[in-house]
Amino acid sequence: MIGIIGGTGIYEIVTLGDEIDTKVIKTPYGKSPEVSIFKLHEKDVAFMPRHAKGHSNPPIW
């Protein structure tokens, strides 16, 4: 699986994939922003927006 943490300008990558699913992951630091998991060119990809959906988190949280 390929993991991508991205910011403004890369959110659209999810729309290029197939079999899109979203998850929120529980961590010792709290819940993650919504992670999109999808297939892109036959590869599994996980994308997490750096600021969360709608830029609701600062880049470092």
PDB file of N, CA and C in Angstrom:
ATOM      1  N   MET A   1       0.848  -1.173   0.000  1.00  0.00           N
ATOM      2  CA  MET A   1       0.000   0.000   0.000  1.00  0.00           C
ATOM      3  C   MET A   1       0.892   1.233   0.000  1.00  0.00           C
ATOM      4  N   ILE A   2       0.454   2.217  -0.734  1.00  0.00           N
ATOM      5  CA  ILE A   2       1.145   3.500  -0.796  1.00  0.00           C
ATOM      6  C   ILE A   2       0.376   4.473   0.087  1.00  0.00           C
ATOM      7  N   GLY A   3       1.070   5.188   0.948  1.00  0.00           N
ATOM      8  CA  GLY A   3       0.436   6.187   1.806  1.00  0.00           C
ATOM      9  C   GLY A   3       0.840   7.585   1.379  1.00  0.00           C
ATOM     10  N   ILE A   4      -0.150   8.472   1.291  1.00  0.00           N
ATOM     11  CA  ILE A   4       0.107   9.860   0.904  1.00  0.00           C
ATOM     12  C   ILE A   4      -0.522  10.775   1.942  1.00  0.00           C
ATOM     13  N   ILE A   5       0.268  11.688   2.484  1.00  0.00           N
ATOM     14  CA  ILE A   5      -0.252  12.764   3.324  1.00  0.00           C
ATOM     15  C   ILE A   5      -0.083  14.017   2.500  1.00  0.00           C
ATOM     16  N   GLY A   6      -1.181  14.662   2.177  1.00  0.00           N
ATOM     17  CA  GLY A   6      -1.108  15.793   1.268  1.00  0.00           C
ATOM     18  C   GLY A   6      -1.892  16.988   1.750  1.00  0.00           C
ATOM     19  N   GLY A   7      -1.635  18.088   1.103  1.00  0.00           N
ATOM     20  CA  GLY A   7      -2.326  19.329   1.427  1.00  0.00           C
ATOM     21  C   GLY A   7      -3.064  19.864   0.221  1.00  0.00           C
ATOM     22  N   THR A   8      -3.277  21.150   0.226  1.00  0.00           N
ATOM     23  CA  THR A   8      -4.008  21.813  -0.841  1.00  0.00           C
ATOM     24  C   THR A   8      -3.406  21.453  -2.191  1.00  0.00           C
ATOM     25  N   GLY A   9      -4.262  21.122  -3.141  1.00  0.00           N
ATOM     26  CA  GLY A   9      -3.815  20.817  -4.482  1.00  0.00           C
ATOM     27  C   GLY A   9      -3.727  19.338  -4.787  1.00  0.00           C
ATOM     28  N   ILE A  10      -3.802  18.496  -3.776  1.00  0.00           N
ATOM     29  CA  ILE A  10      -3.705  17.053  -4.032  1.00  0.00           C
ATOM     30  C   ILE A  10      -4.980  16.311  -3.624  1.00  0.00           C
ATOM     31  N   TYR A  11      -5.949  17.004  -3.051  1.00  0.00           N
ATOM     32  CA  TYR A  11      -7.194  16.351  -2.626  1.00  0.00           C
ATOM     33  C   TYR A  11      -7.874  15.611  -3.772  1.00  0.00           C
ATOM     34  N   GLU A  12      -7.724  16.095  -4.997  1.00  0.00           N
ATOM     35  CA  GLU A  12      -8.405  15.511  -6.146  1.00  0.00           C
ATOM     36  C   GLU A  12      -7.889  14.129  -6.509  1.00  0.00           C
ATOM     37  N   ILE A  13      -6.755  13.720  -5.968  1.00  0.00           N
ATOM     38  CA  ILE A  13      -6.203  12.407  -6.305  1.00  0.00           C
ATOM     39  C   ILE A  13      -7.200  11.300  -6.002  1.00  0.00           C
ATOM     40  N   VAL A  14      -8.001  11.479  -4.982  1.00  0.00           N
ATOM     41  CA  VAL A  14      -8.983  10.458  -4.613  1.00  0.00           C
ATOM     42  C   VAL A  14      -9.991  10.236  -5.732  1.00  0.00           C
ATOM     43  N   THR A  15     -10.366  11.286  -6.438  1.00  0.00           N
ATOM     44  CA  THR A  15     -11.363  11.160  -7.501  1.00  0.00           C
ATOM     45  C   THR A  15     -10.831  10.404  -8.712  1.00  0.00           C
ATOM     46  N   LEU A  16      -9.528  10.211  -8.793  1.00  0.00           N
ATOM     47  CA  LEU A  16      -8.927   9.469  -9.905  1.00  0.00           C
ATOM     48  C   LEU A  16      -8.950   7.959  -9.671  1.00  0.00           C
ATOM     49  N   GLY A  17      -9.224   7.561  -8.429  1.00  0.00           N
ATOM     50  CA  GLY A  17      -9.161   6.149  -8.074  1.00  0.00           C
ATOM     51  C   GLY A  17     -10.486   5.425  -8.189  1.00  0.00           C
ATOM     52  N   ASP A  18     -10.405   4.122  -7.955  1.00  0.00           N
ATOM     53  CA  ASP A  18     -11.565   3.236  -7.963  1.00  0.00           C
ATOM     54  C   ASP A  18     -11.726   2.623  -6.577  1.00  0.00           C
ATOM     55  N   GLU A  19     -12.927   2.081  -6.323  1.00  0.00           N
ATOM     56  CA  GLU A  19     -13.200   1.379  -5.062  1.00  0.00           C
ATOM     57  C   GLU A  19     -12.859   2.246  -3.856  1.00  0.00           C
ATOM     58  N   ILE A  20     -13.355   3.455  -3.843  1.00  0.00           N
ATOM     59  CA  ILE A  20     -13.022   4.421  -2.793  1.00  0.00           C
ATOM     60  C   ILE A  20     -13.773   4.092  -1.500  1.00  0.00           C
ATOM     61  N   ASP A  21     -13.036   4.073  -0.406  1.00  0.00           N
ATOM     62  CA  ASP A  21     -13.591   3.843   0.927  1.00  0.00           C
ATOM     63  C   ASP A  21     -12.957   4.863   1.856  1.00  0.00           C
ATOM     64  N   THR A  22     -13.616   5.187   2.946  1.00  0.00           N
ATOM     65  CA  THR A  22     -13.030   6.110   3.919  1.00  0.00           C
ATOM     66  C   THR A  22     -13.038   5.474   5.303  1.00  0.00           C
ATOM     67  N   LYS A  23     -12.035   5.831   6.091  1.00  0.00           N
ATOM     68  CA  LYS A  23     -11.914   5.323   7.458  1.00  0.00           C
ATOM     69  C   LYS A  23     -11.373   6.420   8.363  1.00  0.00           C
ATOM     70  N   VAL A  24     -11.732   6.333   9.619  1.00  0.00           N
ATOM     71  CA  VAL A  24     -11.132   7.167  10.660  1.00  0.00           C
ATOM     72  C   VAL A  24     -10.389   6.203  11.569  1.00  0.00           C
ATOM     73  N   ILE A  25      -9.129   6.475  11.822  1.00  0.00           N
ATOM     74  CA  ILE A  25      -8.284   5.566  12.573  1.00  0.00           C
ATOM     75  C   ILE A  25      -8.073   6.102  13.982  1.00  0.00           C
ATOM     76  N   LYS A  26      -8.283   5.220  14.974  1.00  0.00           N
ATOM     77  CA  LYS A  26      -8.047   5.578  16.366  1.00  0.00           C
ATOM     78  C   LYS A  26      -6.558   5.453  16.662  1.00  0.00           C
ATOM     79  N   THR A  27      -5.960   6.485  17.234  1.00  0.00           N
ATOM     80  CA  THR A  27      -4.538   6.454  17.586  1.00  0.00           C
ATOM     81  C   THR A  27      -4.388   6.843  19.052  1.00  0.00           C
ATOM     82  N   PRO A  28      -3.207   6.684  19.632  1.00  0.00           N
ATOM     83  CA  PRO A  28      -2.989   7.131  21.005  1.00  0.00           C
ATOM     84  C   PRO A  28      -3.154   8.652  21.159  1.00  0.00           C
ATOM     85  N   TYR A  29      -3.147   9.375  20.049  1.00  0.00           N
ATOM     86  CA  TYR A  29      -3.244  10.834  20.070  1.00  0.00           C
ATOM     87  C   TYR A  29      -4.644  11.333  19.732  1.00  0.00           C
ATOM     88  N   GLY A  30      -5.580  10.428  19.536  1.00  0.00           N
ATOM     89  CA  GLY A  30      -6.942  10.786  19.161  1.00  0.00           C
ATOM     90  C   GLY A  30      -7.275  10.205  17.806  1.00  0.00           C
ATOM     91  N   LYS A  31      -8.413  10.579  17.280  1.00  0.00           N
ATOM     92  CA  LYS A  31      -8.840  10.061  15.980  1.00  0.00           C
ATOM     93  C   LYS A  31      -8.122  10.804  14.856  1.00  0.00           C
ATOM     94  N   SER A  32      -7.842  10.068  13.785  1.00  0.00           N
ATOM     95  CA  SER A  32      -7.194  10.668  12.615  1.00  0.00           C
ATOM     96  C   SER A  32      -8.230  11.443  11.813  1.00  0.00           C
ATOM     97  N   PRO A  33      -7.759  12.330  10.941  1.00  0.00           N
ATOM     98  CA  PRO A  33      -8.678  12.860   9.941  1.00  0.00           C
ATOM     99  C   PRO A  33      -9.171  11.697   9.080  1.00  0.00           C
ATOM    100  N   GLU A  34     -10.203  11.920   8.302  1.00  0.00           N
ATOM    101  CA  GLU A  34     -10.733  10.871   7.440  1.00  0.00           C
ATOM    102  C   GLU A  34      -9.678  10.449   6.419  1.00  0.00           C
ATOM    103  N   VAL A  35      -9.399   9.151   6.355  1.00  0.00           N
ATOM    104  CA  VAL A  35      -8.424   8.591   5.423  1.00  0.00           C
ATOM    105  C   VAL A  35      -9.189   7.949   4.265  1.00  0.00           C
ATOM    106  N   SER A  36      -8.833   8.313   3.040  1.00  0.00           N
ATOM    107  CA  SER A  36      -9.451   7.713   1.851  1.00  0.00           C
ATOM    108  C   SER A  36      -8.560   6.579   1.373  1.00  0.00           C
ATOM    109  N   ILE A  37      -9.167   5.423   1.152  1.00  0.00           N
ATOM    110  CA  ILE A  37      -8.437   4.259   0.667  1.00  0.00           C
ATOM    111  C   ILE A  37      -9.037   3.893  -0.684  1.00  0.00           C
ATOM    112  N   PHE A  38      -8.177   3.747  -1.682  1.00  0.00           N
ATOM    113  CA  PHE A  38      -8.665   3.512  -3.035  1.00  0.00           C
ATOM    114  C   PHE A  38      -7.614   2.808  -3.877  1.00  0.00           C
ATOM    115  N   LYS A  39      -8.011   2.409  -5.069  1.00  0.00           N
ATOM    116  CA  LYS A  39      -7.084   1.794  -6.023  1.00  0.00           C
ATOM    117  C   LYS A  39      -6.764   2.815  -7.106  1.00  0.00           C
ATOM    118  N   LEU A  40      -5.482   2.933  -7.426  1.00  0.00           N
ATOM    119  CA  LEU A  40      -5.022   3.836  -8.473  1.00  0.00           C
ATOM    120  C   LEU A  40      -3.969   3.090  -9.283  1.00  0.00           C
ATOM    121  N   HIS A  41      -4.239   2.873 -10.547  1.00  0.00           N
ATOM    122  CA  HIS A  41      -3.339   2.095 -11.418  1.00  0.00           C
ATOM    123  C   HIS A  41      -3.006   0.748 -10.781  1.00  0.00           C
ATOM    124  N   GLU A  42      -4.034   0.077 -10.273  1.00  0.00           N
ATOM    125  CA  GLU A  42      -3.933  -1.257  -9.678  1.00  0.00           C
ATOM    126  C   GLU A  42      -3.113  -1.306  -8.385  1.00  0.00           C
ATOM    127  N   LYS A  43      -2.839  -0.171  -7.787  1.00  0.00           N
ATOM    128  CA  LYS A  43      -2.122  -0.108  -6.506  1.00  0.00           C
ATOM    129  C   LYS A  43      -3.091   0.376  -5.425  1.00  0.00           C
ATOM    130  N   ASP A  44      -2.965  -0.189  -4.214  1.00  0.00           N
ATOM    131  CA  ASP A  44      -3.748   0.298  -3.082  1.00  0.00           C
ATOM    132  C   ASP A  44      -3.097   1.576  -2.560  1.00  0.00           C
ATOM    133  N   VAL A  45      -3.915   2.598  -2.363  1.00  0.00           N
ATOM    134  CA  VAL A  45      -3.418   3.899  -1.917  1.00  0.00           C
ATOM    135  C   VAL A  45      -4.269   4.375  -0.742  1.00  0.00           C
ATOM    136  N   ALA A  46      -3.613   4.929   0.270  1.00  0.00           N
ATOM    137  CA  ALA A  46      -4.300   5.580   1.388  1.00  0.00           C
ATOM    138  C   ALA A  46      -3.895   7.052   1.358  1.00  0.00           C
ATOM    139  N   PHE A  47      -4.897   7.926   1.360  1.00  0.00           N
ATOM    140  CA  PHE A  47      -4.631   9.365   1.331  1.00  0.00           C
ATOM    141  C   PHE A  47      -5.227  10.012   2.569  1.00  0.00           C
ATOM    142  N   MET A  48      -4.397  10.779   3.284  1.00  0.00           N
ATOM    143  CA  MET A  48      -4.860  11.529   4.440  1.00  0.00           C
ATOM    144  C   MET A  48      -4.570  13.007   4.208  1.00  0.00           C
ATOM    145  N   PRO A  49      -5.616  13.841   4.212  1.00  0.00           N
ATOM    146  CA  PRO A  49      -5.391  15.271   4.042  1.00  0.00           C
ATOM    147  C   PRO A  49      -4.698  15.853   5.278  1.00  0.00           C
ATOM    148  N   ARG A  50      -3.687  16.622   5.064  1.00  0.00           N
ATOM    149  CA  ARG A  50      -2.869  17.179   6.147  1.00  0.00           C
ATOM    150  C   ARG A  50      -3.673  18.034   7.113  1.00  0.00           C
ATOM    151  N   HIS A  51      -4.656  18.753   6.604  1.00  0.00           N
ATOM    152  CA  HIS A  51      -5.443  19.656   7.445  1.00  0.00           C
ATOM    153  C   HIS A  51      -6.811  19.099   7.806  1.00  0.00           C
ATOM    154  N   ALA A  52      -7.135  17.904   7.374  1.00  0.00           N
ATOM    155  CA  ALA A  52      -8.457  17.283   7.516  1.00  0.00           C
ATOM    156  C   ALA A  52      -9.430  17.941   6.548  1.00  0.00           C
ATOM    157  N   LYS A  53     -10.575  17.334   6.397  1.00  0.00           N
ATOM    158  CA  LYS A  53     -11.588  17.830   5.475  1.00  0.00           C
ATOM    159  C   LYS A  53     -12.006  19.246   5.873  1.00  0.00           C
ATOM    160  N   GLY A  54     -12.069  20.137   4.898  1.00  0.00           N
ATOM    161  CA  GLY A  54     -12.483  21.510   5.176  1.00  0.00           C
ATOM    162  C   GLY A  54     -11.439  22.337   5.909  1.00  0.00           C
ATOM    163  N   HIS A  55     -10.213  21.856   5.934  1.00  0.00           N
ATOM    164  CA  HIS A  55      -9.109  22.550   6.632  1.00  0.00           C
ATOM    165  C   HIS A  55      -9.446  22.832   8.092  1.00  0.00           C
ATOM    166  N   SER A  56     -10.024  21.824   8.769  1.00  0.00           N
ATOM    167  CA  SER A  56     -10.452  22.022  10.148  1.00  0.00           C
ATOM    168  C   SER A  56      -9.341  21.810  11.185  1.00  0.00           C
ATOM    169  N   ASN A  57      -8.210  21.266  10.776  1.00  0.00           N
ATOM    170  CA  ASN A  57      -7.068  21.071  11.698  1.00  0.00           C
ATOM    171  C   ASN A  57      -5.856  21.837  11.179  1.00  0.00           C
ATOM    172  N   PRO A  58      -5.022  22.360  12.090  1.00  0.00           N
ATOM    173  CA  PRO A  58      -3.765  22.928  11.635  1.00  0.00           C
ATOM    174  C   PRO A  58      -2.889  21.781  11.120  1.00  0.00           C
ATOM    175  N   PRO A  59      -1.836  22.061  10.316  1.00  0.00           N
ATOM    176  CA  PRO A  59      -1.036  20.993   9.741  1.00  0.00           C
ATOM    177  C   PRO A  59      -0.343  20.125  10.780  1.00  0.00           C
ATOM    178  N   ILE A  60      -0.071  20.617  11.935  1.00  0.00           N
ATOM    179  CA  ILE A  60       0.552  19.822  13.011  1.00  0.00           C
ATOM    180  C   ILE A  60      -0.450  19.749  14.143  1.00  0.00           C
ATOM    181  N   TRP A  61      -0.877  18.515  14.482  1.00  0.00           N
ATOM    182  CA  TRP A  61      -1.830  18.369  15.578  1.00  0.00           C
ATOM    183  C   TRP A  61      -1.457  17.277  16.503  1.00  0.00           C
TER     184      TRP A  61
END
